Protein backbone atom coordinates (compact mmCIF):
# COMPACT_ATOMS: atom_id res chain seq x y z
CA MET A 1 -6.45 47.71 8.36
CA LEU A 2 -7.18 47.05 4.91
CA ASN A 3 -4.53 47.20 2.05
CA PRO A 4 -1.31 47.89 3.83
CA ASN A 5 0.85 47.32 1.04
CA LEU A 6 -1.46 48.92 -1.42
CA SER A 7 -1.45 46.09 -3.85
CA LEU A 8 -4.67 44.55 -2.88
CA TYR A 9 -6.71 45.87 -6.03
CA PRO A 10 -5.32 46.04 -9.49
CA ASP A 11 -6.37 49.55 -10.08
CA SER A 12 -6.98 50.97 -6.83
CA VAL A 13 -5.72 51.82 -3.33
CA ASP A 14 -8.94 51.83 -1.62
CA PRO A 15 -9.73 52.32 1.22
CA TRP A 16 -7.04 54.99 1.11
CA THR A 17 -8.32 58.40 0.38
CA PRO A 18 -6.50 61.65 -0.19
CA SER A 19 -7.50 64.96 1.45
CA ASN A 20 -8.77 67.74 -1.10
CA SER A 21 -5.68 69.81 -0.93
CA LYS A 22 -5.60 72.34 -3.87
CA GLY A 23 -2.22 72.46 -5.91
CA ILE A 24 -0.97 69.17 -4.05
CA LEU A 25 -0.64 66.12 -6.25
CA HIS A 26 -1.68 62.55 -4.52
CA GLY A 27 -1.06 59.50 -6.26
CA ALA A 28 0.14 56.09 -6.41
CA SER A 29 3.66 55.18 -7.75
CA ARG A 30 4.19 51.80 -9.51
CA GLU A 31 7.99 52.78 -9.88
CA ILE A 32 8.91 53.30 -6.15
CA PHE A 33 7.53 51.07 -3.51
CA MET A 34 8.82 49.09 -0.37
CA SER A 35 6.65 45.93 -1.24
CA GLY A 36 3.84 45.00 -2.99
CA ASN A 37 3.50 46.78 -6.20
CA ARG A 38 2.90 50.63 -5.49
CA SER A 39 3.15 53.08 -2.78
CA LEU A 40 1.26 56.28 -1.68
CA PHE A 41 3.01 59.64 -2.35
CA ILE A 42 2.05 63.18 -1.65
CA GLU A 43 3.89 65.87 -3.86
CA ASN A 44 4.23 69.78 -3.66
CA GLN A 45 6.55 71.57 -5.95
CA ASP A 46 4.87 75.05 -5.60
CA SER A 47 5.98 77.07 -2.48
CA THR A 48 2.89 79.42 -3.05
CA VAL A 49 0.85 76.37 -1.98
CA VAL A 50 0.52 76.50 1.74
CA THR A 51 -1.80 73.66 2.75
CA GLN A 52 -1.05 70.39 4.57
CA SER A 53 -2.01 67.22 2.74
CA ASN A 54 -2.76 63.53 3.82
CA TRP A 55 -3.86 60.07 2.72
CA SER A 56 -6.40 58.75 5.22
CA GLN A 57 -8.25 55.62 6.04
CA THR A 58 -10.76 54.79 8.76
CA TYR A 59 -10.89 51.41 10.17
CA THR A 60 -14.20 50.09 11.78
CA GLY A 61 -13.55 46.38 11.89
CA PRO A 62 -12.86 44.47 15.19
CA MET A 63 -11.36 46.91 17.74
CA PRO A 64 -8.11 45.76 19.86
CA ALA A 65 -8.71 44.31 23.14
CA PRO A 66 -9.11 46.97 25.94
CA GLY A 67 -5.91 47.89 27.45
CA SER A 68 -3.71 46.61 24.70
CA THR A 69 -1.03 48.41 23.06
CA VAL A 70 -1.62 49.45 19.26
CA GLU A 71 1.06 50.48 17.14
CA LEU A 72 1.15 52.22 13.65
CA ALA A 73 4.03 51.53 11.42
CA ALA A 74 4.94 52.99 7.96
CA PHE A 75 7.78 53.24 5.85
CA VAL A 76 8.50 56.78 4.54
CA LYS A 77 10.68 58.13 1.66
CA GLY A 78 11.55 61.71 0.50
CA GLU A 79 12.74 63.25 -2.53
CA ASN A 80 13.99 66.86 -2.63
CA ILE A 81 12.18 67.72 0.70
CA ARG A 82 12.41 71.32 1.98
CA ASP A 83 10.40 72.56 4.82
CA LEU A 84 9.84 76.13 4.26
CA THR A 85 8.49 76.62 7.70
CA ALA A 86 11.85 75.57 9.64
CA GLY A 87 9.34 73.59 12.03
CA GLY A 88 6.87 71.32 9.71
CA ARG A 89 7.61 67.70 9.92
CA ILE A 90 6.16 64.82 7.86
CA PHE A 91 4.30 62.44 10.14
CA ILE A 92 1.88 59.37 10.56
CA ALA A 93 -0.59 59.24 13.05
CA PHE A 94 -3.86 57.68 14.22
CA LYS A 95 -6.61 58.67 16.25
CA VAL A 96 -9.15 56.30 18.34
CA LEU A 97 -12.65 57.74 17.97
CA PRO A 98 -14.84 58.73 19.66
CA ILE A 99 -12.62 58.98 22.40
CA ASN A 100 -10.26 61.14 20.63
CA ARG A 101 -7.05 59.52 21.87
CA SER A 102 -4.20 59.71 19.38
CA ALA A 103 -0.54 58.92 18.89
CA TYR A 104 1.88 59.90 16.09
CA ALA A 105 5.34 59.43 15.00
CA VAL A 106 7.43 62.30 13.38
CA PHE A 107 10.30 62.30 10.71
CA ASP A 108 12.00 65.63 10.30
CA PHE A 109 14.51 65.37 7.35
CA GLN A 110 15.32 67.68 4.35
CA GLY A 111 16.63 66.83 0.91
CA ASP A 112 16.56 63.02 -0.04
CA VAL A 113 16.06 60.19 2.29
CA ASP A 114 15.64 56.63 1.49
CA TRP A 115 13.11 54.28 3.38
CA VAL A 116 12.71 55.10 7.01
CA LEU A 117 10.56 52.87 9.35
CA LEU A 118 8.16 55.32 11.60
CA LYS A 119 6.19 53.78 14.36
CA ALA A 120 3.60 55.53 16.47
CA THR A 121 2.35 53.75 19.59
CA LEU A 122 -0.61 54.28 21.80
CA GLU A 123 -0.69 52.23 25.28
CA ASN A 124 -3.69 51.21 26.92
CA PHE A 125 -6.40 51.02 24.31
CA PRO A 126 -9.75 52.47 25.14
CA GLU A 127 -12.71 50.07 25.74
CA GLU A 128 -14.90 52.69 24.29
CA ALA A 129 -13.40 52.74 20.75
CA GLU A 130 -15.73 52.49 17.70
CA SER A 131 -13.00 53.28 14.80
CA ILE A 132 -9.31 54.23 14.23
CA GLN A 133 -8.45 57.04 11.52
CA VAL A 134 -5.14 56.56 10.47
CA THR A 135 -3.41 59.63 8.51
CA LEU A 136 -0.03 60.03 6.56
CA ASN A 137 0.75 63.57 6.74
CA VAL A 138 2.54 66.18 4.92
CA PRO A 139 2.73 69.49 6.82
CA THR A 140 2.12 73.11 5.40
CA LEU A 141 4.79 74.40 3.31
CA THR A 142 6.58 71.28 2.65
CA LEU A 143 7.98 70.96 -1.00
CA GLY A 144 8.92 67.77 -2.47
CA LYS A 145 7.69 64.21 -3.10
CA VAL A 146 7.06 61.87 0.27
CA TYR A 147 6.30 57.88 -0.31
CA PHE A 148 4.53 55.88 2.08
CA ASP A 149 4.22 52.19 1.87
CA GLU A 150 3.63 49.06 4.25
CA ILE A 151 1.26 50.92 6.33
CA ASN A 152 0.23 48.48 9.11
CA LEU A 153 -1.58 48.84 12.46
CA THR A 154 -1.15 46.21 15.15
CA ALA A 155 -2.19 45.45 18.68
CA LYS A 156 0.02 43.50 20.98
């Protein structure tokens, strides 16, 4: 994966791209980060905004060896998080395409939370893989600000 600590380019977080979620703010923070010089964030302060939101990247480079274990790890931090659905959870995920096999890790928290490491693991990586889509997700009706940093995809 490219740009795991979001500091590869001075004025860009490429190849990370935000979803087109109206009413939700996507950005890069130079004040709050784990390493490098910035983190990604998703912020929703409006309880009438009812859409989920994410940052994503699609990796098309050399694929992990068939049969290997692939792990997505990311640090997540939350400020004033409120889940208005009593069930929505912030999560990281990756999907292997075109096979459509996926793995995800969920973080269920409310209020303020300092950096926490999330890991999503997929065993027995498929031979037919052509790309891997990674997403950093904030679900529908989640208020507050969520930061993501040190986003790494590794094969073992």
